[in-house]
Amino acid sequence: MSKEEIVYNWLSYVGQIARQYFIMLGKPDPEERLFQYPFPEQVWENIAKFLRSLKALPLWVNRDLSETVFGGKQNNSFWKTVFGAMVESW
C-alpha cells in the first residue's frame, strides 16, 4: 500500500471523500483549498473507514497475489483502474 504509484492513487480517493463531505452539506466545493483548513471529525472518520476497507482488500491480505500481476511495479493508470473497479463494487 505504500508504493509511490499506489499511494498516489488512494490519496486521490481521500481527497474525494473530504470533498464529498462538504458537498453533501451544501457547502462550496473546496477543491483548490481542500487541505488548507482543518477537517471536521466526521471527515476523519470517513477517511479512516475508507482506509480500513482498503487495507482489508484481498490484494493486500493474500500474499499469493504478490506473485501475480500485483507483485511487480505497475504504473499509475493501472492502479487507478484497479481502485476504480474496487470502489465501484463497494
PDB file of N, CA and C in Angstrom:
ATOM      1  N   MET A   1       0.809  -1.204   0.000  1.00  0.00           N
ATOM      2  CA  MET A   1       0.000   0.000   0.000  1.00  0.00           C
ATOM      3  C   MET A   1       0.846   1.259   0.000  1.00  0.00           C
ATOM      4  N   SER A   2       2.125   1.128   0.261  1.00  0.00           N
ATOM      5  CA  SER A   2       2.939   2.335   0.395  1.00  0.00           C
ATOM      6  C   SER A   2       3.844   2.602  -0.799  1.00  0.00           C
ATOM      7  N   LYS A   3       3.707   1.835  -1.869  1.00  0.00           N
ATOM      8  CA  LYS A   3       4.466   2.145  -3.072  1.00  0.00           C
ATOM      9  C   LYS A   3       3.964   3.462  -3.639  1.00  0.00           C
ATOM     10  N   GLU A   4       4.860   4.214  -4.217  1.00  0.00           N
ATOM     11  CA  GLU A   4       4.541   5.562  -4.686  1.00  0.00           C
ATOM     12  C   GLU A   4       3.318   5.603  -5.597  1.00  0.00           C
ATOM     13  N   GLU A   5       3.268   4.731  -6.585  1.00  0.00           N
ATOM     14  CA  GLU A   5       2.160   4.758  -7.537  1.00  0.00           C
ATOM     15  C   GLU A   5       0.847   4.336  -6.896  1.00  0.00           C
ATOM     16  N   ILE A   6       0.908   3.552  -5.838  1.00  0.00           N
ATOM     17  CA  ILE A   6      -0.307   3.134  -5.132  1.00  0.00           C
ATOM     18  C   ILE A   6      -0.795   4.257  -4.221  1.00  0.00           C
ATOM     19  N   VAL A   7       0.120   4.855  -3.473  1.00  0.00           N
ATOM     20  CA  VAL A   7      -0.238   5.961  -2.576  1.00  0.00           C
ATOM     21  C   VAL A   7      -0.854   7.108  -3.375  1.00  0.00           C
ATOM     22  N   TYR A   8      -0.270   7.412  -4.510  1.00  0.00           N
ATOM     23  CA  TYR A   8      -0.781   8.494  -5.357  1.00  0.00           C
ATOM     24  C   TYR A   8      -2.259   8.272  -5.672  1.00  0.00           C
ATOM     25  N   ASN A   9      -2.617   7.042  -5.982  1.00  0.00           N
ATOM     26  CA  ASN A   9      -4.000   6.747  -6.358  1.00  0.00           C
ATOM     27  C   ASN A   9      -4.948   6.705  -5.178  1.00  0.00           C
ATOM     28  N   TRP A  10      -4.563   6.067  -4.058  1.00  0.00           N
ATOM     29  CA  TRP A  10      -5.531   6.027  -2.957  1.00  0.00           C
ATOM     30  C   TRP A  10      -5.656   7.373  -2.272  1.00  0.00           C
ATOM     31  N   LEU A  11      -4.628   8.219  -2.356  1.00  0.00           N
ATOM     32  CA  LEU A  11      -4.765   9.567  -1.794  1.00  0.00           C
ATOM     33  C   LEU A  11      -5.772  10.398  -2.582  1.00  0.00           C
ATOM     34  N   SER A  12      -5.905  10.132  -3.871  1.00  0.00           N
ATOM     35  CA  SER A  12      -6.921  10.864  -4.636  1.00  0.00           C
ATOM     36  C   SER A  12      -8.323  10.540  -4.110  1.00  0.00           C
ATOM     37  N   TYR A  13      -8.527   9.306  -3.662  1.00  0.00           N
ATOM     38  CA  TYR A  13      -9.821   8.942  -3.063  1.00  0.00           C
ATOM     39  C   TYR A  13     -10.030   9.619  -1.715  1.00  0.00           C
ATOM     40  N   VAL A  14      -8.963   9.811  -0.965  1.00  0.00           N
ATOM     41  CA  VAL A  14      -9.077  10.524   0.314  1.00  0.00           C
ATOM     42  C   VAL A  14      -9.556  11.950   0.058  1.00  0.00           C
ATOM     43  N   GLY A  15      -8.997  12.596  -0.954  1.00  0.00           N
ATOM     44  CA  GLY A  15      -9.455  13.936  -1.310  1.00  0.00           C
ATOM     45  C   GLY A  15     -10.913  13.945  -1.726  1.00  0.00           C
ATOM     46  N   GLN A  16     -11.335  12.942  -2.486  1.00  0.00           N
ATOM     47  CA  GLN A  16     -12.731  12.856  -2.902  1.00  0.00           C
ATOM     48  C   GLN A  16     -13.661  12.656  -1.718  1.00  0.00           C
ATOM     49  N   ILE A  17     -13.222  11.886  -0.744  1.00  0.00           N
ATOM     50  CA  ILE A  17     -14.039  11.661   0.460  1.00  0.00           C
ATOM     51  C   ILE A  17     -14.252  12.973   1.202  1.00  0.00           C
ATOM     52  N   ALA A  18     -13.191  13.736   1.363  1.00  0.00           N
ATOM     53  CA  ALA A  18     -13.301  15.019   2.068  1.00  0.00           C
ATOM     54  C   ALA A  18     -14.181  15.989   1.290  1.00  0.00           C
ATOM     55  N   ARG A  19     -13.971  16.084  -0.017  1.00  0.00           N
ATOM     56  CA  ARG A  19     -14.780  16.985  -0.834  1.00  0.00           C
ATOM     57  C   ARG A  19     -16.252  16.590  -0.794  1.00  0.00           C
ATOM     58  N   GLN A  20     -16.515  15.297  -0.845  1.00  0.00           N
ATOM     59  CA  GLN A  20     -17.899  14.802  -0.819  1.00  0.00           C
ATOM     60  C   GLN A  20     -18.614  15.234   0.459  1.00  0.00           C
ATOM     61  N   TYR A  21     -17.909  15.222   1.562  1.00  0.00           N
ATOM     62  CA  TYR A  21     -18.492  15.627   2.839  1.00  0.00           C
ATOM     63  C   TYR A  21     -19.016  17.061   2.748  1.00  0.00           C
ATOM     64  N   PHE A  22     -18.174  17.956   2.241  1.00  0.00           N
ATOM     65  CA  PHE A  22     -18.576  19.363   2.169  1.00  0.00           C
ATOM     66  C   PHE A  22     -19.701  19.569   1.155  1.00  0.00           C
ATOM     67  N   ILE A  23     -19.645  18.875   0.058  1.00  0.00           N
ATOM     68  CA  ILE A  23     -20.687  18.992  -0.965  1.00  0.00           C
ATOM     69  C   ILE A  23     -22.029  18.509  -0.418  1.00  0.00           C
ATOM     70  N   MET A  24     -22.001  17.389   0.330  1.00  0.00           N
ATOM     71  CA  MET A  24     -23.250  16.857   0.891  1.00  0.00           C
ATOM     72  C   MET A  24     -23.870  17.800   1.924  1.00  0.00           C
ATOM     73  N   LEU A  25     -23.049  18.635   2.547  1.00  0.00           N
ATOM     74  CA  LEU A  25     -23.576  19.622   3.488  1.00  0.00           C
ATOM     75  C   LEU A  25     -24.067  20.883   2.791  1.00  0.00           C
ATOM     76  N   GLY A  26     -23.920  20.934   1.464  1.00  0.00           N
ATOM     77  CA  GLY A  26     -24.368  22.097   0.711  1.00  0.00           C
ATOM     78  C   GLY A  26     -23.370  23.234   0.728  1.00  0.00           C
ATOM     79  N   LYS A  27     -22.152  22.946   1.147  1.00  0.00           N
ATOM     80  CA  LYS A  27     -21.108  23.972   1.165  1.00  0.00           C
ATOM     81  C   LYS A  27     -20.392  23.976  -0.180  1.00  0.00           C
ATOM     82  N   PRO A  28     -19.734  25.081  -0.515  1.00  0.00           N
ATOM     83  CA  PRO A  28     -18.990  25.134  -1.781  1.00  0.00           C
ATOM     84  C   PRO A  28     -17.897  24.063  -1.818  1.00  0.00           C
ATOM     85  N   ASP A  29     -17.642  23.546  -2.995  1.00  0.00           N
ATOM     86  CA  ASP A  29     -16.602  22.531  -3.183  1.00  0.00           C
ATOM     87  C   ASP A  29     -15.231  23.168  -2.924  1.00  0.00           C
ATOM     88  N   PRO A  30     -14.504  22.680  -1.909  1.00  0.00           N
ATOM     89  CA  PRO A  30     -13.211  23.272  -1.567  1.00  0.00           C
ATOM     90  C   PRO A  30     -12.050  22.678  -2.375  1.00  0.00           C
ATOM     91  N   GLU A  31     -12.308  22.350  -3.626  1.00  0.00           N
ATOM     92  CA  GLU A  31     -11.350  21.620  -4.457  1.00  0.00           C
ATOM     93  C   GLU A  31      -9.943  22.212  -4.417  1.00  0.00           C
ATOM     94  N   GLU A  32      -9.796  23.484  -4.654  1.00  0.00           N
ATOM     95  CA  GLU A  32      -8.471  24.109  -4.720  1.00  0.00           C
ATOM     96  C   GLU A  32      -7.817  24.285  -3.344  1.00  0.00           C
ATOM     97  N   ARG A  33      -8.624  24.415  -2.309  1.00  0.00           N
ATOM     98  CA  ARG A  33      -8.080  24.709  -0.979  1.00  0.00           C
ATOM     99  C   ARG A  33      -8.441  23.632   0.030  1.00  0.00           C
ATOM    100  N   LEU A  34      -8.625  22.422  -0.435  1.00  0.00           N
ATOM    101  CA  LEU A  34      -9.124  21.338   0.403  1.00  0.00           C
ATOM    102  C   LEU A  34      -8.294  21.126   1.663  1.00  0.00           C
ATOM    103  N   PHE A  35      -7.000  21.153   1.543  1.00  0.00           N
ATOM    104  CA  PHE A  35      -6.142  20.852   2.691  1.00  0.00           C
ATOM    105  C   PHE A  35      -5.636  22.113   3.394  1.00  0.00           C
ATOM    106  N   GLN A  36      -6.294  23.232   3.167  1.00  0.00           N
ATOM    107  CA  GLN A  36      -5.913  24.494   3.794  1.00  0.00           C
ATOM    108  C   GLN A  36      -6.548  24.688   5.169  1.00  0.00           C
ATOM    109  N   TYR A  37      -7.592  23.939   5.455  1.00  0.00           N
ATOM    110  CA  TYR A  37      -8.342  24.112   6.692  1.00  0.00           C
ATOM    111  C   TYR A  37      -8.458  22.783   7.429  1.00  0.00           C
ATOM    112  N   PRO A  38      -8.605  22.819   8.746  1.00  0.00           N
ATOM    113  CA  PRO A  38      -8.792  21.563   9.500  1.00  0.00           C
ATOM    114  C   PRO A  38     -10.106  20.888   9.096  1.00  0.00           C
ATOM    115  N   PHE A  39     -10.079  19.572   9.045  1.00  0.00           N
ATOM    116  CA  PHE A  39     -11.282  18.810   8.727  1.00  0.00           C
ATOM    117  C   PHE A  39     -12.101  18.581   9.988  1.00  0.00           C
ATOM    118  N   PRO A  40     -13.441  18.573   9.849  1.00  0.00           N
ATOM    119  CA  PRO A  40     -14.290  18.163  10.974  1.00  0.00           C
ATOM    120  C   PRO A  40     -14.041  16.683  11.301  1.00  0.00           C
ATOM    121  N   GLU A  41     -14.386  16.282  12.489  1.00  0.00           N
ATOM    122  CA  GLU A  41     -14.163  14.905  12.944  1.00  0.00           C
ATOM    123  C   GLU A  41     -14.815  13.878  12.020  1.00  0.00           C
ATOM    124  N   GLN A  42     -15.983  14.188  11.477  1.00  0.00           N
ATOM    125  CA  GLN A  42     -16.678  13.243  10.596  1.00  0.00           C
ATOM    126  C   GLN A  42     -15.869  12.937   9.340  1.00  0.00           C
ATOM    127  N   VAL A  43     -15.164  13.927   8.809  1.00  0.00           N
ATOM    128  CA  VAL A  43     -14.325  13.684   7.627  1.00  0.00           C
ATOM    129  C   VAL A  43     -13.232  12.679   7.974  1.00  0.00           C
ATOM    130  N   TRP A  44     -12.611  12.850   9.149  1.00  0.00           N
ATOM    131  CA  TRP A  44     -11.555  11.918   9.569  1.00  0.00           C
ATOM    132  C   TRP A  44     -12.115  10.514   9.766  1.00  0.00           C
ATOM    133  N   GLU A  45     -13.324  10.423  10.293  1.00  0.00           N
ATOM    134  CA  GLU A  45     -13.954   9.108  10.457  1.00  0.00           C
ATOM    135  C   GLU A  45     -14.223   8.455   9.106  1.00  0.00           C
ATOM    136  N   ASN A  46     -14.674   9.248   8.141  1.00  0.00           N
ATOM    137  CA  ASN A  46     -14.919   8.720   6.796  1.00  0.00           C
ATOM    138  C   ASN A  46     -13.614   8.245   6.143  1.00  0.00           C
ATOM    139  N   ILE A  47     -12.560   9.017   6.308  1.00  0.00           N
ATOM    140  CA  ILE A  47     -11.254   8.646   5.756  1.00  0.00           C
ATOM    141  C   ILE A  47     -10.749   7.369   6.428  1.00  0.00           C
ATOM    142  N   ALA A  48     -10.889   7.288   7.737  1.00  0.00           N
ATOM    143  CA  ALA A  48     -10.439   6.089   8.459  1.00  0.00           C
ATOM    144  C   ALA A  48     -11.207   4.858   7.994  1.00  0.00           C
ATOM    145  N   LYS A  49     -12.504   4.995   7.786  1.00  0.00           N
ATOM    146  CA  LYS A  49     -13.319   3.871   7.313  1.00  0.00           C
ATOM    147  C   LYS A  49     -12.846   3.430   5.927  1.00  0.00           C
ATOM    148  N   PHE A  50     -12.581   4.387   5.060  1.00  0.00           N
ATOM    149  CA  PHE A  50     -12.086   4.061   3.730  1.00  0.00           C
ATOM    150  C   PHE A  50     -10.751   3.320   3.805  1.00  0.00           C
ATOM    151  N   LEU A  51      -9.836   3.813   4.627  1.00  0.00           N
ATOM    152  CA  LEU A  51      -8.513   3.182   4.732  1.00  0.00           C
ATOM    153  C   LEU A  51      -8.600   1.781   5.335  1.00  0.00           C
ATOM    154  N   ARG A  52      -9.496   1.589   6.304  1.00  0.00           N
ATOM    155  CA  ARG A  52      -9.685   0.237   6.855  1.00  0.00           C
ATOM    156  C   ARG A  52     -10.219  -0.711   5.782  1.00  0.00           C
ATOM    157  N   SER A  53     -11.158  -0.235   4.985  1.00  0.00           N
ATOM    158  CA  SER A  53     -11.705  -1.058   3.908  1.00  0.00           C
ATOM    159  C   SER A  53     -10.642  -1.353   2.855  1.00  0.00           C
ATOM    160  N   LEU A  54      -9.855  -0.364   2.535  1.00  0.00           N
ATOM    161  CA  LEU A  54      -8.779  -0.543   1.565  1.00  0.00           C
ATOM    162  C   LEU A  54      -7.746  -1.542   2.074  1.00  0.00           C
ATOM    163  N   LYS A  55      -7.414  -1.424   3.332  1.00  0.00           N
ATOM    164  CA  LYS A  55      -6.434  -2.327   3.946  1.00  0.00           C
ATOM    165  C   LYS A  55      -6.929  -3.773   3.964  1.00  0.00           C
ATOM    166  N   ALA A  56      -8.234  -3.971   4.068  1.00  0.00           N
ATOM    167  CA  ALA A  56      -8.801  -5.313   4.169  1.00  0.00           C
ATOM    168  C   ALA A  56      -8.979  -6.009   2.823  1.00  0.00           C
ATOM    169  N   LEU A  57      -8.707  -5.321   1.734  1.00  0.00           N
ATOM    170  CA  LEU A  57      -8.870  -5.937   0.425  1.00  0.00           C
ATOM    171  C   LEU A  57      -7.953  -7.145   0.282  1.00  0.00           C
ATOM    172  N   PRO A  58      -8.413  -8.171  -0.402  1.00  0.00           N
ATOM    173  CA  PRO A  58      -7.588  -9.378  -0.588  1.00  0.00           C
ATOM    174  C   PRO A  58      -6.258  -9.085  -1.268  1.00  0.00           C
ATOM    175  N   LEU A  59      -6.216  -8.031  -2.024  1.00  0.00           N
ATOM    176  CA  LEU A  59      -4.992  -7.634  -2.705  1.00  0.00           C
ATOM    177  C   LEU A  59      -3.827  -7.485  -1.736  1.00  0.00           C
ATOM    178  N   TRP A  60      -4.076  -6.988  -0.530  1.00  0.00           N
ATOM    179  CA  TRP A  60      -3.022  -6.777   0.461  1.00  0.00           C
ATOM    180  C   TRP A  60      -2.918  -7.956   1.426  1.00  0.00           C
ATOM    181  N   VAL A  61      -4.041  -8.606   1.697  1.00  0.00           N
ATOM    182  CA  VAL A  61      -4.094  -9.673   2.684  1.00  0.00           C
ATOM    183  C   VAL A  61      -3.500 -10.976   2.144  1.00  0.00           C
ATOM    184  N   ASN A  62      -3.820 -11.298   0.898  1.00  0.00           N
ATOM    185  CA  ASN A  62      -3.391 -12.553   0.290  1.00  0.00           C
ATOM    186  C   ASN A  62      -1.989 -12.385  -0.301  1.00  0.00           C
ATOM    187  N   ARG A  63      -1.002 -12.912   0.370  1.00  0.00           N
ATOM    188  CA  ARG A  63       0.385 -12.771  -0.081  1.00  0.00           C
ATOM    189  C   ARG A  63       0.648 -13.490  -1.401  1.00  0.00           C
ATOM    190  N   ASP A  64      -0.175 -14.471  -1.743  1.00  0.00           N
ATOM    191  CA  ASP A  64      -0.007 -15.167  -3.015  1.00  0.00           C
ATOM    192  C   ASP A  64      -0.225 -14.228  -4.206  1.00  0.00           C
ATOM    193  N   LEU A  65      -1.031 -13.197  -4.006  1.00  0.00           N
ATOM    194  CA  LEU A  65      -1.268 -12.246  -5.085  1.00  0.00           C
ATOM    195  C   LEU A  65      -0.007 -11.462  -5.441  1.00  0.00           C
ATOM    196  N   SER A  66       0.941 -11.386  -4.532  1.00  0.00           N
ATOM    197  CA  SER A  66       2.178 -10.655  -4.826  1.00  0.00           C
ATOM    198  C   SER A  66       2.991 -11.337  -5.913  1.00  0.00           C
ATOM    199  N   GLU A  67       2.685 -12.598  -6.180  1.00  0.00           N
ATOM    200  CA  GLU A  67       3.377 -13.328  -7.236  1.00  0.00           C
ATOM    201  C   GLU A  67       2.667 -13.189  -8.576  1.00  0.00           C
ATOM    202  N   THR A  68       1.534 -12.509  -8.608  1.00  0.00           N
ATOM    203  CA  THR A  68       0.788 -12.319  -9.848  1.00  0.00           C
ATOM    204  C   THR A  68       1.076 -10.931 -10.391  1.00  0.00           C
ATOM    205  N   VAL A  69       0.166 -10.413 -11.182  1.00  0.00           N
ATOM    206  CA  VAL A  69       0.318  -9.102 -11.799  1.00  0.00           C
ATOM    207  C   VAL A  69       0.472  -7.991 -10.760  1.00  0.00           C
ATOM    208  N   PHE A  70      -0.025  -8.231  -9.527  1.00  0.00           N
ATOM    209  CA  PHE A  70       0.061  -7.207  -8.498  1.00  0.00           C
ATOM    210  C   PHE A  70       1.452  -7.115  -7.867  1.00  0.00           C
ATOM    211  N   GLY A  71       2.297  -8.065  -8.130  1.00  0.00           N
ATOM    212  CA  GLY A  71       3.593  -8.109  -7.477  1.00  0.00           C
ATOM    213  C   GLY A  71       4.618  -7.154  -8.040  1.00  0.00           C
ATOM    214  N   GLY A  72       4.635  -6.963  -9.347  1.00  0.00           N
ATOM    215  CA  GLY A  72       5.627  -6.094  -9.961  1.00  0.00           C
ATOM    216  C   GLY A  72       5.237  -4.637  -9.891  1.00  0.00           C
ATOM    217  N   LYS A  73       6.136  -3.777 -10.338  1.00  0.00           N
ATOM    218  CA  LYS A  73       5.841  -2.339 -10.338  1.00  0.00           C
ATOM    219  C   LYS A  73       4.865  -2.041 -11.467  1.00  0.00           C
ATOM    220  N   GLN A  74       3.767  -1.445 -11.123  1.00  0.00           N
ATOM    221  CA  GLN A  74       2.752  -1.061 -12.090  1.00  0.00           C
ATOM    222  C   GLN A  74       2.686   0.457 -12.155  1.00  0.00           C
ATOM    223  N   ASN A  75       2.178   0.981 -13.267  1.00  0.00           N
ATOM    224  CA  ASN A  75       2.096   2.435 -13.400  1.00  0.00           C
ATOM    225  C   ASN A  75       0.822   2.974 -12.741  1.00  0.00           C
ATOM    226  N   ASN A  76       0.731   4.314 -12.694  1.00  0.00           N
ATOM    227  CA  ASN A  76      -0.405   4.964 -12.028  1.00  0.00           C
ATOM    228  C   ASN A  76      -1.742   4.596 -12.653  1.00  0.00           C
ATOM    229  N   SER A  77      -1.799   4.507 -13.976  1.00  0.00           N
ATOM    230  CA  SER A  77      -3.087   4.211 -14.618  1.00  0.00           C
ATOM    231  C   SER A  77      -3.564   2.797 -14.279  1.00  0.00           C
ATOM    232  N   PHE A  78      -2.633   1.873 -14.089  1.00  0.00           N
ATOM    233  CA  PHE A  78      -3.006   0.520 -13.675  1.00  0.00           C
ATOM    234  C   PHE A  78      -3.720   0.560 -12.332  1.00  0.00           C
ATOM    235  N   TRP A  79      -3.119   1.245 -11.356  1.00  0.00           N
ATOM    236  CA  TRP A  79      -3.714   1.299 -10.015  1.00  0.00           C
ATOM    237  C   TRP A  79      -4.996   2.112 -10.000  1.00  0.00           C
ATOM    238  N   LYS A  80      -5.075   3.137 -10.849  1.00  0.00           N
ATOM    239  CA  LYS A  80      -6.319   3.903 -10.940  1.00  0.00           C
ATOM    240  C   LYS A  80      -7.451   2.994 -11.418  1.00  0.00           C
ATOM    241  N   THR A  81      -7.157   2.124 -12.371  1.00  0.00           N
ATOM    242  CA  THR A  81      -8.148   1.170 -12.865  1.00  0.00           C
ATOM    243  C   THR A  81      -8.534   0.161 -11.787  1.00  0.00           C
ATOM    244  N   VAL A  82      -7.536  -0.364 -11.079  1.00  0.00           N
ATOM    245  CA  VAL A  82      -7.797  -1.351 -10.023  1.00  0.00           C
ATOM    246  C   VAL A  82      -8.669  -0.744  -8.929  1.00  0.00           C
ATOM    247  N   PHE A  83      -8.274   0.424  -8.436  1.00  0.00           N
ATOM    248  CA  PHE A  83      -9.041   1.048  -7.362  1.00  0.00           C
ATOM    249  C   PHE A  83     -10.419   1.489  -7.851  1.00  0.00           C
ATOM    250  N   GLY A  84     -10.504   1.958  -9.084  1.00  0.00           N
ATOM    251  CA  GLY A  84     -11.789   2.365  -9.628  1.00  0.00           C
ATOM    252  C   GLY A  84     -12.773   1.213  -9.657  1.00  0.00           C
ATOM    253  N   ALA A  85     -12.306   0.050 -10.086  1.00  0.00           N
ATOM    254  CA  ALA A  85     -13.165  -1.133 -10.122  1.00  0.00           C
ATOM    255  C   ALA A  85     -13.561  -1.561  -8.713  1.00  0.00           C
ATOM    256  N   MET A  86     -12.647  -1.480  -7.765  1.00  0.00           N
ATOM    257  CA  MET A  86     -12.942  -1.897  -6.394  1.00  0.00           C
ATOM    258  C   MET A  86     -13.916  -0.926  -5.727  1.00  0.00           C
ATOM    259  N   VAL A  87     -13.727   0.362  -5.960  1.00  0.00           N
ATOM    260  CA  VAL A  87     -14.622   1.350  -5.344  1.00  0.00           C
ATOM    261  C   VAL A  87     -16.029   1.205  -5.911  1.00  0.00           C
ATOM    262  N   GLU A  88     -16.150   0.938  -7.194  1.00  0.00           N
ATOM    263  CA  GLU A  88     -17.469   0.746  -7.799  1.00  0.00           C
ATOM    264  C   GLU A  88     -18.198  -0.448  -7.198  1.00  0.00           C
ATOM    265  N   SER A  89     -17.429  -1.457  -6.798  1.00  0.00           N
ATOM    266  CA  SER A  89     -18.065  -2.653  -6.231  1.00  0.00           C
ATOM    267  C   SER A  89     -18.489  -2.455  -4.779  1.00  0.00           C
ATOM    268  N   TRP A  90     -18.004  -1.401  -4.119  1.00  0.00           N
ATOM    269  CA  TRP A  90     -18.389  -1.127  -2.730  1.00  0.00           C
ATOM    270  C   TRP A  90     -19.755  -0.553  -2.742  1.00  0.00           C
TER     271      TRP A  90
END
